[in-house]
Amino acid sequence: MAGFNSAVSMAASSPAIAPEKTRQTVRKPYPTYKIIVLNDDFNTFQHVVDCLTKYIPGMSGDQAWDLAHQIHNDGQAIVWTGPLEQAELYHSQLSRAGLTMAPLEQA
């Protein structure tokens, strides 16, 4: 046992070498997600406009009408882009209101 104790005491008395700290901080932006509304055969322009203005903060009626036309003409439109938690909320609200939604996509 003498060998064991001396090995333990040597290990305990040896200074630990800490990894060198770097002062450089890498800042990455949080990923953003896009909410895409798809065209369908059952939602009216007015319903799409009402939903967008109700659930997307800062959405004006004019913006909502432009997006409704884009959805109709192009088959889809990105109606909002931002952080994941908010995107999940708005996506869920629009979906529950009956709009046809694409899955959330990272922007």
C-alpha atoms as a PDB file:
ATOM      1  CA  MET A   1       0.000   0.000   0.000  1.00  0.00           C
ATOM      2  CA  ALA A   2       2.943   2.333   0.390  1.00  0.00           C
ATOM      3  CA  GLY A   3       3.200   2.657  -3.389  1.00  0.00           C
ATOM      4  CA  PHE A   4      -0.463   3.596  -3.629  1.00  0.00           C
ATOM      5  CA  ASN A   5      -0.245   6.354  -0.993  1.00  0.00           C
ATOM      6  CA  SER A   6       2.850   7.881  -2.527  1.00  0.00           C
ATOM      7  CA  ALA A   7       1.206   7.916  -5.977  1.00  0.00           C
ATOM      8  CA  VAL A   8      -1.867   9.621  -4.515  1.00  0.00           C
ATOM      9  CA  SER A   9       0.223  12.207  -2.661  1.00  0.00           C
ATOM     10  CA  MET A  10       2.282  12.918  -5.790  1.00  0.00           C
ATOM     11  CA  ALA A  11      -0.883  13.393  -7.858  1.00  0.00           C
ATOM     12  CA  ALA A  12      -2.418  15.628  -5.221  1.00  0.00           C
ATOM     13  CA  SER A  13       0.687  17.817  -4.987  1.00  0.00           C
ATOM     14  CA  SER A  14       1.128  18.168  -8.774  1.00  0.00           C
ATOM     15  CA  PRO A  15      -0.307  21.427 -10.028  1.00  0.00           C
ATOM     16  CA  ALA A  16      -3.170  21.051 -12.466  1.00  0.00           C
ATOM     17  CA  ILE A  17      -2.619  22.668 -15.820  1.00  0.00           C
ATOM     18  CA  ALA A  18      -5.658  24.692 -16.800  1.00  0.00           C
ATOM     19  CA  PRO A  19      -6.394  25.149 -20.472  1.00  0.00           C
ATOM     20  CA  GLU A  20      -5.455  28.565 -21.751  1.00  0.00           C
ATOM     21  CA  LYS A  21      -8.413  30.915 -21.723  1.00  0.00           C
ATOM     22  CA  THR A  22      -9.206  32.907 -24.781  1.00  0.00           C
ATOM     23  CA  ARG A  23     -10.731  36.353 -24.592  1.00  0.00           C
ATOM     24  CA  GLN A  24     -12.255  36.072 -28.021  1.00  0.00           C
ATOM     25  CA  THR A  25     -16.014  35.566 -27.900  1.00  0.00           C
ATOM     26  CA  VAL A  26     -17.730  34.206 -30.946  1.00  0.00           C
ATOM     27  CA  ARG A  27     -21.156  35.755 -31.289  1.00  0.00           C
ATOM     28  CA  LYS A  28     -23.638  33.973 -33.460  1.00  0.00           C
ATOM     29  CA  PRO A  29     -27.047  35.431 -34.172  1.00  0.00           C
ATOM     30  CA  TYR A  30     -30.023  33.364 -33.141  1.00  0.00           C
ATOM     31  CA  PRO A  31     -31.493  31.536 -36.117  1.00  0.00           C
ATOM     32  CA  THR A  32     -34.604  33.023 -37.607  1.00  0.00           C
ATOM     33  CA  TYR A  33     -37.596  31.129 -38.897  1.00  0.00           C
ATOM     34  CA  LYS A  34     -40.093  32.003 -41.576  1.00  0.00           C
ATOM     35  CA  ILE A  35     -43.834  31.535 -41.484  1.00  0.00           C
ATOM     36  CA  ILE A  36     -45.229  30.590 -44.877  1.00  0.00           C
ATOM     37  CA  VAL A  37     -48.946  30.630 -45.679  1.00  0.00           C
ATOM     38  CA  LEU A  38     -50.012  28.422 -48.582  1.00  0.00           C
ATOM     39  CA  ASN A  39     -52.791  28.978 -51.072  1.00  0.00           C
ATOM     40  CA  ASP A  40     -55.898  26.815 -50.721  1.00  0.00           C
ATOM     41  CA  ASP A  41     -59.375  26.591 -52.206  1.00  0.00           C
ATOM     42  CA  PHE A  42     -61.405  27.440 -49.120  1.00  0.00           C
ATOM     43  CA  ASN A  43     -60.006  30.515 -47.314  1.00  0.00           C
ATOM     44  CA  THR A  44     -61.232  33.841 -48.617  1.00  0.00           C
ATOM     45  CA  PHE A  45     -58.968  36.840 -49.135  1.00  0.00           C
ATOM     46  CA  GLN A  46     -60.789  38.612 -46.315  1.00  0.00           C
ATOM     47  CA  HIS A  47     -60.235  35.715 -43.889  1.00  0.00           C
ATOM     48  CA  VAL A  48     -56.514  35.613 -44.706  1.00  0.00           C
ATOM     49  CA  VAL A  49     -56.249  39.388 -44.228  1.00  0.00           C
ATOM     50  CA  ASP A  50     -58.178  39.233 -40.944  1.00  0.00           C
ATOM     51  CA  CYS A  51     -55.924  36.451 -39.598  1.00  0.00           C
ATOM     52  CA  LEU A  52     -52.696  38.153 -40.614  1.00  0.00           C
ATOM     53  CA  THR A  53     -53.679  41.478 -39.058  1.00  0.00           C
ATOM     54  CA  LYS A  54     -54.933  39.758 -35.910  1.00  0.00           C
ATOM     55  CA  TYR A  55     -51.993  37.434 -35.223  1.00  0.00           C
ATOM     56  CA  ILE A  56     -48.911  39.029 -36.807  1.00  0.00           C
ATOM     57  CA  PRO A  57     -47.785  42.052 -34.754  1.00  0.00           C
ATOM     58  CA  GLY A  58     -47.485  45.253 -36.746  1.00  0.00           C
ATOM     59  CA  MET A  59     -49.200  43.809 -39.819  1.00  0.00           C
ATOM     60  CA  SER A  60     -51.180  46.524 -41.568  1.00  0.00           C
ATOM     61  CA  GLY A  61     -54.270  45.877 -43.633  1.00  0.00           C
ATOM     62  CA  ASP A  62     -52.446  46.957 -46.793  1.00  0.00           C
ATOM     63  CA  GLN A  63     -49.564  44.563 -46.108  1.00  0.00           C
ATOM     64  CA  ALA A  64     -52.016  41.757 -45.387  1.00  0.00           C
ATOM     65  CA  TRP A  65     -53.882  42.369 -48.667  1.00  0.00           C
ATOM     66  CA  ASP A  66     -50.597  42.373 -50.596  1.00  0.00           C
ATOM     67  CA  LEU A  67     -49.638  39.078 -48.941  1.00  0.00           C
ATOM     68  CA  ALA A  68     -53.078  37.569 -49.609  1.00  0.00           C
ATOM     69  CA  HIS A  69     -52.654  38.380 -53.309  1.00  0.00           C
ATOM     70  CA  GLN A  70     -49.139  36.932 -53.274  1.00  0.00           C
ATOM     71  CA  ILE A  71     -50.444  33.739 -51.625  1.00  0.00           C
ATOM     72  CA  HIS A  72     -53.167  33.485 -54.270  1.00  0.00           C
ATOM     73  CA  ASN A  73     -50.937  34.269 -57.263  1.00  0.00           C
ATOM     74  CA  ASP A  74     -47.693  32.541 -56.261  1.00  0.00           C
ATOM     75  CA  GLY A  75     -49.140  29.708 -54.161  1.00  0.00           C
ATOM     76  CA  GLN A  76     -47.459  30.899 -50.986  1.00  0.00           C
ATOM     77  CA  ALA A  77     -45.975  33.876 -49.163  1.00  0.00           C
ATOM     78  CA  ILE A  78     -43.603  34.429 -46.266  1.00  0.00           C
ATOM     79  CA  VAL A  79     -45.745  36.419 -43.846  1.00  0.00           C
ATOM     80  CA  TRP A  80     -43.289  36.780 -40.950  1.00  0.00           C
ATOM     81  CA  THR A  81     -39.652  36.025 -40.089  1.00  0.00           C
ATOM     82  CA  GLY A  82     -38.133  35.990 -36.622  1.00  0.00           C
ATOM     83  CA  PRO A  83     -37.120  33.981 -33.537  1.00  0.00           C
ATOM     84  CA  LEU A  84     -38.335  30.399 -33.120  1.00  0.00           C
ATOM     85  CA  GLU A  85     -40.585  30.866 -30.060  1.00  0.00           C
ATOM     86  CA  GLN A  86     -42.560  33.691 -31.652  1.00  0.00           C
ATOM     87  CA  ALA A  87     -42.646  31.867 -34.990  1.00  0.00           C
ATOM     88  CA  GLU A  88     -44.120  28.790 -33.286  1.00  0.00           C
ATOM     89  CA  LEU A  89     -46.799  30.914 -31.613  1.00  0.00           C
ATOM     90  CA  TYR A  90     -47.842  32.809 -34.757  1.00  0.00           C
ATOM     91  CA  HIS A  91     -47.713  29.644 -36.871  1.00  0.00           C
ATOM     92  CA  SER A  92     -49.955  27.849 -34.381  1.00  0.00           C
ATOM     93  CA  GLN A  93     -52.427  30.742 -34.193  1.00  0.00           C
ATOM     94  CA  LEU A  94     -52.709  31.047 -37.984  1.00  0.00           C
ATOM     95  CA  SER A  95     -53.086  27.294 -38.329  1.00  0.00           C
ATOM     96  CA  ARG A  96     -55.818  27.161 -35.674  1.00  0.00           C
ATOM     97  CA  ALA A  97     -57.605  29.977 -37.512  1.00  0.00           C
ATOM     98  CA  GLY A  98     -57.809  27.693 -40.540  1.00  0.00           C
ATOM     99  CA  LEU A  99     -55.038  28.973 -42.779  1.00  0.00           C
ATOM    100  CA  THR A 100     -53.048  26.396 -44.711  1.00  0.00           C
ATOM    101  CA  MET A 101     -49.494  26.549 -43.396  1.00  0.00           C
ATOM    102  CA  ALA A 102     -46.154  25.216 -44.572  1.00  0.00           C
ATOM    103  CA  PRO A 103     -43.946  23.768 -41.818  1.00  0.00           C
ATOM    104  CA  LEU A 104     -41.701  26.305 -40.105  1.00  0.00           C
ATOM    105  CA  GLU A 105     -38.452  26.772 -41.983  1.00  0.00           C
ATOM    106  CA  GLN A 106     -35.184  28.212 -40.832  1.00  0.00           C
ATOM    107  CA  ALA A 107     -34.564  31.405 -42.784  1.00  0.00           C
END
